[in-house]
Amino acid sequence: MTIVNQGARPRALSSKLVGSALLLWSFSILVFLLPRLTGQDTVRAIIRSRTADLSPDQAAVERFAAELSLDRPIWVQYLTFVKQLATGDLGLSYTSRIPVAPRIVQALSVSAQLVVSALVIASVLGLVVGVWCASKPNSAPDRILTAASRLAVSVPEFISGPLLVLVFAVTLHALPATGWGTLDQAVLPVMTVALLPTAVFVQVTRAEASKVSAQQWVSTIRASGLSEGRVLRQVLRNSMTPVIGLMSLFLPGLIGGAVIVEVIFSIPGRGRLLYTAVLDSDLPLAQAGLMVLLALAVISTIASDLARRVIDPRLRR
């Protein structure tokens, strides 16, 4: 039986990797075709954004189409798109005519700092508060924190962000309202991004810790004289698996959905870059940005699965 299990683990990992590769390939087709299925004349939109000419003549349209290689057959354009993704040469921006890859890397590094900082804070607070609430069920602090987490889940970022600015920047003058690059500038946007995952992690951890605490082995180690702090640490370890799984879902979603926070706080991140690319009909920038986001989603899912198997031995069977 052990030999079968040991052989099954590499096969399961290989199947997951193959499935992820097929998923990314499917995403590449969708991302490539989506702008063309909207019916928008991309070439005319680019000319309007460059020259403010609302009615470009046909000669200008054909010249720009040839310049941007949009006059080639669609299958040739797709193969070029896939080749650029595979080699990391994502081409030139249609609007600025500068390489796309450095802009995405720079913006992604800013978004990653924002999102990773928020997720680290959210996971630590969510785990600690969730386990503490589970250790004191139906107490006043438990009820208050549980109610607060439920309220926080229902507050979107376009409301929580301006509220935090109003309180801490406008009223108290304690923190800057916009910008990125210093610690005080990062506080409000990180708080805004961390609010939702913290609330979710508190609820999930509390529910999982309550189930773990009800198991026989917890009563056994508590009766053996182990301190309450060490008992809670054991409960915390066994309650982490759902939170790690949720982190893999939150990470790509927050990187992509941080556009609201980045716009509110004037942060030069990936979400704001993608938002601008869509408005400008900048296909290379928008398509490459979407593919990077989808690749991050797939990679974070695989990494999360591996991390959960390391933490929870039951998942290795």
C-alpha atoms as a PDB file:
ATOM      1  CA  MET A   1       0.000   0.000   0.000  1.00  0.00           C
ATOM      2  CA  THR A   2       2.849   2.361   0.836  1.00  0.00           C
ATOM      3  CA  ILE A   3       4.495   1.727  -2.523  1.00  0.00           C
ATOM      4  CA  VAL A   4       1.284   2.562  -4.341  1.00  0.00           C
ATOM      5  CA  ASN A   5       0.877   5.791  -2.412  1.00  0.00           C
ATOM      6  CA  GLN A   6       4.462   6.819  -3.084  1.00  0.00           C
ATOM      7  CA  GLY A   7       3.952   6.257  -6.782  1.00  0.00           C
ATOM      8  CA  ALA A   8       0.599   7.975  -6.809  1.00  0.00           C
ATOM      9  CA  ARG A   9       1.956  11.266  -5.472  1.00  0.00           C
ATOM     10  CA  PRO A  10       4.251  11.991  -8.466  1.00  0.00           C
ATOM     11  CA  ARG A  11       1.484  10.947 -10.849  1.00  0.00           C
ATOM     12  CA  ALA A  12      -0.969  13.298  -9.139  1.00  0.00           C
ATOM     13  CA  LEU A  13       1.547  16.160  -9.337  1.00  0.00           C
ATOM     14  CA  SER A  14       2.251  15.403 -13.003  1.00  0.00           C
ATOM     15  CA  SER A  15      -1.473  15.375 -13.772  1.00  0.00           C
ATOM     16  CA  LYS A  16      -1.882  18.718 -12.017  1.00  0.00           C
ATOM     17  CA  LEU A  17       1.004  20.232 -13.990  1.00  0.00           C
ATOM     18  CA  VAL A  18      -0.345  18.928 -17.310  1.00  0.00           C
ATOM     19  CA  GLY A  19      -3.828  20.198 -16.448  1.00  0.00           C
ATOM     20  CA  SER A  20      -2.394  23.588 -15.528  1.00  0.00           C
ATOM     21  CA  ALA A  21      -0.521  23.805 -18.843  1.00  0.00           C
ATOM     22  CA  LEU A  22      -3.706  22.986 -20.773  1.00  0.00           C
ATOM     23  CA  LEU A  23      -5.595  25.559 -18.722  1.00  0.00           C
ATOM     24  CA  LEU A  24      -3.045  28.263 -19.544  1.00  0.00           C
ATOM     25  CA  TRP A  25      -3.222  27.337 -23.227  1.00  0.00           C
ATOM     26  CA  SER A  26      -7.015  27.677 -23.126  1.00  0.00           C
ATOM     27  CA  PHE A  27      -6.632  31.023 -21.381  1.00  0.00           C
ATOM     28  CA  SER A  28      -4.229  32.204 -24.091  1.00  0.00           C
ATOM     29  CA  ILE A  29      -6.844  31.507 -26.776  1.00  0.00           C
ATOM     30  CA  LEU A  30      -9.534  33.308 -24.803  1.00  0.00           C
ATOM     31  CA  VAL A  31      -7.346  36.324 -24.005  1.00  0.00           C
ATOM     32  CA  PHE A  32      -6.249  36.575 -27.650  1.00  0.00           C
ATOM     33  CA  LEU A  33      -9.766  36.320 -29.101  1.00  0.00           C
ATOM     34  CA  LEU A  34     -11.677  38.356 -26.524  1.00  0.00           C
ATOM     35  CA  PRO A  35     -10.783  41.841 -27.859  1.00  0.00           C
ATOM     36  CA  ARG A  36     -11.604  40.702 -31.380  1.00  0.00           C
ATOM     37  CA  LEU A  37     -14.989  39.318 -30.352  1.00  0.00           C
ATOM     38  CA  THR A  38     -16.126  42.658 -28.940  1.00  0.00           C
ATOM     39  CA  GLY A  39     -16.459  44.131 -32.421  1.00  0.00           C
ATOM     40  CA  GLN A  40     -14.329  47.171 -31.603  1.00  0.00           C
ATOM     41  CA  ASP A  41     -12.062  48.498 -34.349  1.00  0.00           C
ATOM     42  CA  THR A  42      -8.771  48.378 -32.467  1.00  0.00           C
ATOM     43  CA  VAL A  43      -6.764  50.223 -35.114  1.00  0.00           C
ATOM     44  CA  ARG A  44      -9.160  53.180 -35.226  1.00  0.00           C
ATOM     45  CA  ALA A  45      -9.250  53.301 -31.415  1.00  0.00           C
ATOM     46  CA  ILE A  46      -5.449  53.475 -31.287  1.00  0.00           C
ATOM     47  CA  ILE A  47      -5.348  56.222 -33.924  1.00  0.00           C
ATOM     48  CA  ARG A  48      -7.897  58.230 -31.954  1.00  0.00           C
ATOM     49  CA  SER A  49      -5.869  57.837 -28.749  1.00  0.00           C
ATOM     50  CA  ARG A  50      -2.658  58.920 -30.497  1.00  0.00           C
ATOM     51  CA  THR A  51      -3.841  61.730 -32.719  1.00  0.00           C
ATOM     52  CA  ALA A  52      -7.274  62.736 -31.341  1.00  0.00           C
ATOM     53  CA  ASP A  53      -8.584  62.180 -34.898  1.00  0.00           C
ATOM     54  CA  LEU A  54     -12.136  60.927 -34.414  1.00  0.00           C
ATOM     55  CA  SER A  55     -12.562  59.942 -38.097  1.00  0.00           C
ATOM     56  CA  PRO A  56      -9.254  58.628 -39.481  1.00  0.00           C
ATOM     57  CA  ASP A  57      -9.175  57.944 -43.209  1.00  0.00           C
ATOM     58  CA  GLN A  58      -8.766  54.451 -44.624  1.00  0.00           C
ATOM     59  CA  ALA A  59      -5.150  55.025 -45.677  1.00  0.00           C
ATOM     60  CA  ALA A  60      -4.180  55.887 -42.117  1.00  0.00           C
ATOM     61  CA  VAL A  61      -6.037  52.836 -40.817  1.00  0.00           C
ATOM     62  CA  GLU A  62      -4.218  50.526 -43.242  1.00  0.00           C
ATOM     63  CA  ARG A  63      -0.847  52.109 -42.442  1.00  0.00           C
ATOM     64  CA  PHE A  64      -1.324  51.687 -38.695  1.00  0.00           C
ATOM     65  CA  ALA A  65      -2.613  48.119 -39.158  1.00  0.00           C
ATOM     66  CA  ALA A  66       0.549  47.209 -41.076  1.00  0.00           C
ATOM     67  CA  GLU A  67       2.739  48.947 -38.489  1.00  0.00           C
ATOM     68  CA  LEU A  68       1.136  46.980 -35.644  1.00  0.00           C
ATOM     69  CA  SER A  69       1.009  43.689 -37.635  1.00  0.00           C
ATOM     70  CA  LEU A  70      -2.771  43.633 -37.322  1.00  0.00           C
ATOM     71  CA  ASP A  71      -3.177  43.108 -41.074  1.00  0.00           C
ATOM     72  CA  ARG A  72      -1.849  39.537 -40.867  1.00  0.00           C
ATOM     73  CA  PRO A  73      -4.120  36.449 -40.735  1.00  0.00           C
ATOM     74  CA  ILE A  74      -5.537  35.856 -37.264  1.00  0.00           C
ATOM     75  CA  TRP A  75      -3.785  32.497 -36.856  1.00  0.00           C
ATOM     76  CA  VAL A  76      -0.422  34.154 -37.608  1.00  0.00           C
ATOM     77  CA  GLN A  77      -1.195  36.818 -35.003  1.00  0.00           C
ATOM     78  CA  TYR A  78      -2.037  34.106 -32.444  1.00  0.00           C
ATOM     79  CA  LEU A  79       1.175  32.166 -33.082  1.00  0.00           C
ATOM     80  CA  THR A  80       3.136  35.389 -32.678  1.00  0.00           C
ATOM     81  CA  PHE A  81       1.267  36.057 -29.435  1.00  0.00           C
ATOM     82  CA  VAL A  82       2.079  32.574 -28.074  1.00  0.00           C
ATOM     83  CA  LYS A  83       5.729  32.871 -29.132  1.00  0.00           C
ATOM     84  CA  GLN A  84       6.025  36.203 -27.333  1.00  0.00           C
ATOM     85  CA  LEU A  85       4.501  34.720 -24.174  1.00  0.00           C
ATOM     86  CA  ALA A  86       6.833  31.697 -24.294  1.00  0.00           C
ATOM     87  CA  THR A  87       9.981  33.776 -24.800  1.00  0.00           C
ATOM     88  CA  GLY A  88       9.037  36.624 -22.465  1.00  0.00           C
ATOM     89  CA  ASP A  89       9.277  39.121 -25.325  1.00  0.00           C
ATOM     90  CA  LEU A  90       5.804  40.637 -24.996  1.00  0.00           C
ATOM     91  CA  GLY A  91       6.241  43.131 -27.804  1.00  0.00           C
ATOM     92  CA  LEU A  92       5.766  46.881 -27.832  1.00  0.00           C
ATOM     93  CA  SER A  93       2.902  48.904 -26.441  1.00  0.00           C
ATOM     94  CA  TYR A  94       0.593  50.116 -29.185  1.00  0.00           C
ATOM     95  CA  THR A  95       0.245  53.551 -27.646  1.00  0.00           C
ATOM     96  CA  SER A  96       3.704  54.305 -26.221  1.00  0.00           C
ATOM     97  CA  ARG A  97       5.799  52.002 -28.490  1.00  0.00           C
ATOM     98  CA  ILE A  98       7.981  50.935 -25.562  1.00  0.00           C
ATOM     99  CA  PRO A  99       8.524  47.295 -24.448  1.00  0.00           C
ATOM    100  CA  VAL A 100       5.615  45.815 -22.524  1.00  0.00           C
ATOM    101  CA  ALA A 101       7.535  43.374 -20.315  1.00  0.00           C
ATOM    102  CA  PRO A 102       9.471  45.938 -18.201  1.00  0.00           C
ATOM    103  CA  ARG A 103       6.279  47.916 -17.562  1.00  0.00           C
ATOM    104  CA  ILE A 104       4.441  44.794 -16.392  1.00  0.00           C
ATOM    105  CA  VAL A 105       7.335  43.684 -14.185  1.00  0.00           C
ATOM    106  CA  GLN A 106       7.604  47.110 -12.571  1.00  0.00           C
ATOM    107  CA  ALA A 107       3.856  47.401 -11.988  1.00  0.00           C
ATOM    108  CA  LEU A 108       3.607  43.791 -10.807  1.00  0.00           C
ATOM    109  CA  SER A 109       6.344  44.342  -8.220  1.00  0.00           C
ATOM    110  CA  VAL A 110       4.354  47.236  -6.748  1.00  0.00           C
ATOM    111  CA  SER A 111       1.110  45.218  -6.699  1.00  0.00           C
ATOM    112  CA  ALA A 112       2.919  42.233  -5.208  1.00  0.00           C
ATOM    113  CA  GLN A 113       4.245  44.357  -2.348  1.00  0.00           C
ATOM    114  CA  LEU A 114       0.753  45.662  -1.688  1.00  0.00           C
ATOM    115  CA  VAL A 115      -1.023  42.313  -1.909  1.00  0.00           C
ATOM    116  CA  VAL A 116       1.579  40.151  -0.153  1.00  0.00           C
ATOM    117  CA  SER A 117       1.814  42.619   2.736  1.00  0.00           C
ATOM    118  CA  ALA A 118      -1.978  42.624   3.051  1.00  0.00           C
ATOM    119  CA  LEU A 119      -2.212  38.818   2.878  1.00  0.00           C
ATOM    120  CA  VAL A 120       0.517  38.292   5.481  1.00  0.00           C
ATOM    121  CA  ILE A 121      -1.222  40.671   7.879  1.00  0.00           C
ATOM    122  CA  ALA A 122      -4.637  39.148   7.099  1.00  0.00           C
ATOM    123  CA  SER A 123      -3.461  35.556   7.576  1.00  0.00           C
ATOM    124  CA  VAL A 124      -1.707  36.269  10.883  1.00  0.00           C
ATOM    125  CA  LEU A 125      -4.631  38.248  12.290  1.00  0.00           C
ATOM    126  CA  GLY A 126      -7.192  35.817  10.894  1.00  0.00           C
ATOM    127  CA  LEU A 127      -5.510  32.748  12.354  1.00  0.00           C
ATOM    128  CA  VAL A 128      -4.755  34.251  15.756  1.00  0.00           C
ATOM    129  CA  VAL A 129      -8.140  35.930  16.219  1.00  0.00           C
ATOM    130  CA  GLY A 130     -10.027  32.936  14.817  1.00  0.00           C
ATOM    131  CA  VAL A 131      -8.364  30.424  17.134  1.00  0.00           C
ATOM    132  CA  TRP A 132      -8.741  32.772  20.123  1.00  0.00           C
ATOM    133  CA  CYS A 133     -12.466  33.225  19.396  1.00  0.00           C
ATOM    134  CA  ALA A 134     -12.888  29.447  19.070  1.00  0.00           C
ATOM    135  CA  SER A 135     -11.241  28.985  22.480  1.00  0.00           C
ATOM    136  CA  LYS A 136     -13.829  31.306  24.068  1.00  0.00           C
ATOM    137  CA  PRO A 137     -17.086  30.385  22.284  1.00  0.00           C
ATOM    138  CA  ASN A 138     -20.119  32.622  22.849  1.00  0.00           C
ATOM    139  CA  SER A 139     -18.161  35.029  25.026  1.00  0.00           C
ATOM    140  CA  ALA A 140     -18.613  38.770  24.573  1.00  0.00           C
ATOM    141  CA  PRO A 141     -15.295  39.224  22.695  1.00  0.00           C
ATOM    142  CA  ASP A 142     -16.126  36.255  20.473  1.00  0.00           C
ATOM    143  CA  ARG A 143     -19.522  37.698  19.553  1.00  0.00           C
ATOM    144  CA  ILE A 144     -18.135  41.187  18.931  1.00  0.00           C
ATOM    145  CA  LEU A 145     -15.246  40.000  16.749  1.00  0.00           C
ATOM    146  CA  THR A 146     -17.443  37.549  14.831  1.00  0.00           C
ATOM    147  CA  ALA A 147     -20.013  40.281  14.153  1.00  0.00           C
ATOM    148  CA  ALA A 148     -17.259  42.692  13.096  1.00  0.00           C
ATOM    149  CA  SER A 149     -15.813  40.135  10.664  1.00  0.00           C
ATOM    150  CA  ARG A 150     -19.238  39.549   9.118  1.00  0.00           C
ATOM    151  CA  LEU A 151     -19.694  43.287   8.691  1.00  0.00           C
ATOM    152  CA  ALA A 152     -16.235  43.694   7.147  1.00  0.00           C
ATOM    153  CA  VAL A 153     -16.970  41.044   4.518  1.00  0.00           C
ATOM    154  CA  SER A 154     -19.863  43.136   3.205  1.00  0.00           C
ATOM    155  CA  VAL A 155     -17.849  46.362   2.847  1.00  0.00           C
ATOM    156  CA  PRO A 156     -16.296  46.730  -0.645  1.00  0.00           C
ATOM    157  CA  GLU A 157     -12.928  48.366  -1.158  1.00  0.00           C
ATOM    158  CA  PHE A 158     -14.363  51.409  -2.936  1.00  0.00           C
ATOM    159  CA  ILE A 159     -16.149  52.219   0.342  1.00  0.00           C
ATOM    160  CA  SER A 160     -13.571  51.139   2.925  1.00  0.00           C
ATOM    161  CA  GLY A 161     -10.733  52.948   1.105  1.00  0.00           C
ATOM    162  CA  PRO A 162     -12.326  56.416   1.068  1.00  0.00           C
ATOM    163  CA  LEU A 163     -13.551  55.906   4.649  1.00  0.00           C
ATOM    164  CA  LEU A 164     -10.018  55.171   5.834  1.00  0.00           C
ATOM    165  CA  VAL A 165      -8.752  58.226   3.947  1.00  0.00           C
ATOM    166  CA  LEU A 166     -11.471  60.373   5.511  1.00  0.00           C
ATOM    167  CA  VAL A 167     -10.652  59.218   9.038  1.00  0.00           C
ATOM    168  CA  PHE A 168      -6.852  58.891   9.060  1.00  0.00           C
ATOM    169  CA  ALA A 169      -5.796  61.383   6.373  1.00  0.00           C
ATOM    170  CA  VAL A 170      -8.438  64.110   6.293  1.00  0.00           C
ATOM    171  CA  THR A 171      -9.698  64.156   9.896  1.00  0.00           C
ATOM    172  CA  LEU A 172      -6.736  62.977  11.982  1.00  0.00           C
ATOM    173  CA  HIS A 173      -3.950  64.019   9.555  1.00  0.00           C
ATOM    174  CA  ALA A 174      -2.081  60.930  10.724  1.00  0.00           C
ATOM    175  CA  LEU A 175      -1.323  59.317   7.350  1.00  0.00           C
ATOM    176  CA  PRO A 176      -0.945  60.482   3.728  1.00  0.00           C
ATOM    177  CA  ALA A 177      -3.975  59.994   1.502  1.00  0.00           C
ATOM    178  CA  THR A 178      -2.125  58.973  -1.661  1.00  0.00           C
ATOM    179  CA  GLY A 179       1.234  57.774  -2.918  1.00  0.00           C
ATOM    180  CA  TRP A 180       3.464  54.741  -2.666  1.00  0.00           C
ATOM    181  CA  GLY A 181       7.076  54.190  -1.699  1.00  0.00           C
ATOM    182  CA  THR A 182       7.240  54.973   2.017  1.00  0.00           C
ATOM    183  CA  LEU A 183       5.936  53.069   5.018  1.00  0.00           C
ATOM    184  CA  ASP A 184       3.357  55.666   6.000  1.00  0.00           C
ATOM    185  CA  GLN A 185       2.031  55.781   2.425  1.00  0.00           C
ATOM    186  CA  ALA A 186       1.563  52.002   2.453  1.00  0.00           C
ATOM    187  CA  VAL A 187      -0.513  51.830   5.642  1.00  0.00           C
ATOM    188  CA  LEU A 188      -3.918  52.878   4.298  1.00  0.00           C
ATOM    189  CA  PRO A 189      -3.862  50.881   1.030  1.00  0.00           C
ATOM    190  CA  VAL A 190      -2.591  47.767   2.825  1.00  0.00           C
ATOM    191  CA  MET A 191      -5.333  48.144   5.438  1.00  0.00           C
ATOM    192  CA  THR A 192      -7.916  48.498   2.669  1.00  0.00           C
ATOM    193  CA  VAL A 193      -6.751  45.374   0.825  1.00  0.00           C
ATOM    194  CA  ALA A 194      -6.325  43.364   4.046  1.00  0.00           C
ATOM    195  CA  LEU A 195      -9.804  44.087   5.427  1.00  0.00           C
ATOM    196  CA  LEU A 196     -11.769  41.522   3.402  1.00  0.00           C
ATOM    197  CA  PRO A 197      -9.337  38.569   3.641  1.00  0.00           C
ATOM    198  CA  THR A 198      -8.855  39.208   7.364  1.00  0.00           C
ATOM    199  CA  ALA A 199     -12.602  39.000   7.943  1.00  0.00           C
ATOM    200  CA  VAL A 200     -12.887  35.824   5.863  1.00  0.00           C
ATOM    201  CA  PHE A 201      -9.876  34.196   7.548  1.00  0.00           C
ATOM    202  CA  VAL A 202     -11.293  34.948  11.010  1.00  0.00           C
ATOM    203  CA  GLN A 203     -14.583  33.239  10.183  1.00  0.00           C
ATOM    204  CA  VAL A 204     -12.999  30.233   8.466  1.00  0.00           C
ATOM    205  CA  THR A 205     -10.355  29.761  11.166  1.00  0.00           C
ATOM    206  CA  ARG A 206     -12.910  30.038  13.958  1.00  0.00           C
ATOM    207  CA  ALA A 207     -15.114  27.384  12.338  1.00  0.00           C
ATOM    208  CA  GLU A 208     -12.169  25.061  11.660  1.00  0.00           C
ATOM    209  CA  ALA A 209     -10.633  25.601  15.114  1.00  0.00           C
ATOM    210  CA  SER A 210     -13.992  24.820  16.745  1.00  0.00           C
ATOM    211  CA  LYS A 211     -14.100  21.490  14.907  1.00  0.00           C
ATOM    212  CA  VAL A 212     -10.484  20.698  15.774  1.00  0.00           C
ATOM    213  CA  SER A 213     -10.995  21.612  19.455  1.00  0.00           C
ATOM    214  CA  ALA A 214     -13.913  19.175  19.664  1.00  0.00           C
ATOM    215  CA  GLN A 215     -11.737  16.226  18.646  1.00  0.00           C
ATOM    216  CA  GLN A 216     -10.630  13.673  21.203  1.00  0.00           C
ATOM    217  CA  TRP A 217      -6.899  14.221  20.809  1.00  0.00           C
ATOM    218  CA  VAL A 218      -7.242  17.866  21.949  1.00  0.00           C
ATOM    219  CA  SER A 219      -8.945  16.768  25.173  1.00  0.00           C
ATOM    220  CA  THR A 220      -6.227  14.141  25.634  1.00  0.00           C
ATOM    221  CA  ILE A 221      -3.285  16.537  25.350  1.00  0.00           C
ATOM    222  CA  ARG A 222      -5.077  19.090  27.529  1.00  0.00           C
ATOM    223  CA  ALA A 223      -5.668  16.415  30.201  1.00  0.00           C
ATOM    224  CA  SER A 224      -2.013  15.381  30.025  1.00  0.00           C
ATOM    225  CA  GLY A 225      -1.062  18.710  31.581  1.00  0.00           C
ATOM    226  CA  LEU A 226       0.033  20.559  28.461  1.00  0.00           C
ATOM    227  CA  SER A 227      -0.267  24.322  28.901  1.00  0.00           C
ATOM    228  CA  GLU A 228      -3.214  26.051  27.255  1.00  0.00           C
ATOM    229  CA  GLY A 229      -0.870  28.068  25.071  1.00  0.00           C
ATOM    230  CA  ARG A 230       0.721  24.924  23.641  1.00  0.00           C
ATOM    231  CA  VAL A 231      -2.702  23.355  23.146  1.00  0.00           C
ATOM    232  CA  LEU A 232      -3.841  26.405  21.176  1.00  0.00           C
ATOM    233  CA  ARG A 233      -0.684  26.248  19.070  1.00  0.00           C
ATOM    234  CA  GLN A 234      -1.536  22.649  18.146  1.00  0.00           C
ATOM    235  CA  VAL A 235      -5.089  23.695  17.312  1.00  0.00           C
ATOM    236  CA  LEU A 236      -3.726  26.589  15.253  1.00  0.00           C
ATOM    237  CA  ARG A 237      -1.456  24.281  13.239  1.00  0.00           C
ATOM    238  CA  ASN A 238      -4.340  21.964  12.438  1.00  0.00           C
ATOM    239  CA  SER A 239      -6.607  24.884  11.492  1.00  0.00           C
ATOM    240  CA  MET A 240      -4.266  26.438   8.927  1.00  0.00           C
ATOM    241  CA  THR A 241      -5.108  24.246   5.944  1.00  0.00           C
ATOM    242  CA  PRO A 242      -8.321  26.052   4.845  1.00  0.00           C
ATOM    243  CA  VAL A 243      -6.654  29.452   5.236  1.00  0.00           C
ATOM    244  CA  ILE A 244      -3.728  28.424   3.030  1.00  0.00           C
ATOM    245  CA  GLY A 245      -6.202  27.240   0.416  1.00  0.00           C
ATOM    246  CA  LEU A 246      -8.030  30.554   0.591  1.00  0.00           C
ATOM    247  CA  MET A 247      -4.763  32.476   0.265  1.00  0.00           C
ATOM    248  CA  SER A 248      -4.152  30.827  -3.108  1.00  0.00           C
ATOM    249  CA  LEU A 249      -7.557  32.099  -4.230  1.00  0.00           C
ATOM    250  CA  PHE A 250      -7.128  35.575  -2.771  1.00  0.00           C
ATOM    251  CA  LEU A 251      -3.621  36.200  -4.142  1.00  0.00           C
ATOM    252  CA  PRO A 252      -4.359  36.413  -7.892  1.00  0.00           C
ATOM    253  CA  GLY A 253      -7.763  37.952  -7.250  1.00  0.00           C
ATOM    254  CA  LEU A 254      -6.294  40.714  -5.120  1.00  0.00           C
ATOM    255  CA  ILE A 255      -3.520  41.418  -7.608  1.00  0.00           C
ATOM    256  CA  GLY A 256      -6.081  41.745 -10.371  1.00  0.00           C
ATOM    257  CA  GLY A 257      -8.737  43.419  -8.281  1.00  0.00           C
ATOM    258  CA  ALA A 258      -6.405  45.889  -6.587  1.00  0.00           C
ATOM    259  CA  VAL A 259      -7.128  48.323  -9.406  1.00  0.00           C
ATOM    260  CA  ILE A 260      -9.715  50.106  -7.219  1.00  0.00           C
ATOM    261  CA  VAL A 261      -7.253  50.533  -4.360  1.00  0.00           C
ATOM    262  CA  GLU A 262      -4.470  51.551  -6.737  1.00  0.00           C
ATOM    263  CA  VAL A 263      -6.671  54.199  -8.329  1.00  0.00           C
ATOM    264  CA  ILE A 264      -7.916  55.524  -4.971  1.00  0.00           C
ATOM    265  CA  PHE A 265      -4.411  55.819  -3.519  1.00  0.00           C
ATOM    266  CA  SER A 266      -2.588  56.640  -6.799  1.00  0.00           C
ATOM    267  CA  ILE A 267      -0.448  53.501  -6.680  1.00  0.00           C
ATOM    268  CA  PRO A 268       1.444  52.637  -9.910  1.00  0.00           C
ATOM    269  CA  GLY A 269       0.574  48.950  -9.735  1.00  0.00           C
ATOM    270  CA  ARG A 270      -0.523  46.236 -12.100  1.00  0.00           C
ATOM    271  CA  GLY A 271      -4.256  46.778 -11.731  1.00  0.00           C
ATOM    272  CA  ARG A 272      -3.965  50.451 -12.644  1.00  0.00           C
ATOM    273  CA  LEU A 273      -1.717  49.571 -15.588  1.00  0.00           C
ATOM    274  CA  LEU A 274      -4.261  47.054 -16.919  1.00  0.00           C
ATOM    275  CA  TYR A 275      -7.078  49.552 -16.439  1.00  0.00           C
ATOM    276  CA  THR A 276      -5.191  52.148 -18.500  1.00  0.00           C
ATOM    277  CA  ALA A 277      -4.318  49.578 -21.190  1.00  0.00           C
ATOM    278  CA  VAL A 278      -7.969  48.618 -21.633  1.00  0.00           C
ATOM    279  CA  LEU A 279      -9.040  52.257 -21.891  1.00  0.00           C
ATOM    280  CA  ASP A 280      -6.344  52.921 -24.518  1.00  0.00           C
ATOM    281  CA  SER A 281      -7.092  49.690 -26.480  1.00  0.00           C
ATOM    282  CA  ASP A 282      -3.441  48.742 -25.961  1.00  0.00           C
ATOM    283  CA  LEU A 283      -3.731  45.042 -26.872  1.00  0.00           C
ATOM    284  CA  PRO A 284      -0.142  43.880 -26.130  1.00  0.00           C
ATOM    285  CA  LEU A 285      -0.192  45.497 -22.709  1.00  0.00           C
ATOM    286  CA  ALA A 286      -3.715  44.341 -21.820  1.00  0.00           C
ATOM    287  CA  GLN A 287      -3.275  40.780 -23.112  1.00  0.00           C
ATOM    288  CA  ALA A 288       0.134  40.273 -21.521  1.00  0.00           C
ATOM    289  CA  GLY A 289      -1.164  41.694 -18.249  1.00  0.00           C
ATOM    290  CA  LEU A 290      -4.123  39.312 -18.227  1.00  0.00           C
ATOM    291  CA  MET A 291      -1.941  36.298 -19.033  1.00  0.00           C
ATOM    292  CA  VAL A 292       0.450  37.174 -16.216  1.00  0.00           C
ATOM    293  CA  LEU A 293      -2.500  37.374 -13.826  1.00  0.00           C
ATOM    294  CA  LEU A 294      -3.886  34.010 -14.979  1.00  0.00           C
ATOM    295  CA  ALA A 295      -0.446  32.393 -14.746  1.00  0.00           C
ATOM    296  CA  LEU A 296      -0.128  33.695 -11.189  1.00  0.00           C
ATOM    297  CA  ALA A 297      -3.515  32.173 -10.367  1.00  0.00           C
ATOM    298  CA  VAL A 298      -2.442  28.746 -11.649  1.00  0.00           C
ATOM    299  CA  ILE A 299       0.983  28.866  -9.976  1.00  0.00           C
ATOM    300  CA  SER A 300      -0.440  30.018  -6.639  1.00  0.00           C
ATOM    301  CA  THR A 301      -2.995  27.193  -6.722  1.00  0.00           C
ATOM    302  CA  ILE A 302      -0.270  24.585  -7.225  1.00  0.00           C
ATOM    303  CA  ALA A 303       1.927  26.174  -4.539  1.00  0.00           C
ATOM    304  CA  SER A 304      -1.000  26.246  -2.135  1.00  0.00           C
ATOM    305  CA  ASP A 305      -1.730  22.569  -2.725  1.00  0.00           C
ATOM    306  CA  LEU A 306       1.901  21.665  -2.018  1.00  0.00           C
ATOM    307  CA  ALA A 307       1.973  23.850   1.115  1.00  0.00           C
ATOM    308  CA  ARG A 308      -1.222  22.262   2.467  1.00  0.00           C
ATOM    309  CA  ARG A 309       0.286  18.794   1.965  1.00  0.00           C
ATOM    310  CA  VAL A 310       3.403  19.821   3.875  1.00  0.00           C
ATOM    311  CA  ILE A 311       1.401  21.266   6.804  1.00  0.00           C
ATOM    312  CA  ASP A 312      -1.351  18.634   6.963  1.00  0.00           C
ATOM    313  CA  PRO A 313      -0.011  15.044   6.810  1.00  0.00           C
ATOM    314  CA  ARG A 314      -3.541  13.717   6.238  1.00  0.00           C
ATOM    315  CA  LEU A 315      -3.482  15.140   2.692  1.00  0.00           C
ATOM    316  CA  ARG A 316      -0.376  13.114   1.787  1.00  0.00           C
ATOM    317  CA  ARG A 317      -2.218   9.807   1.955  1.00  0.00           C
END
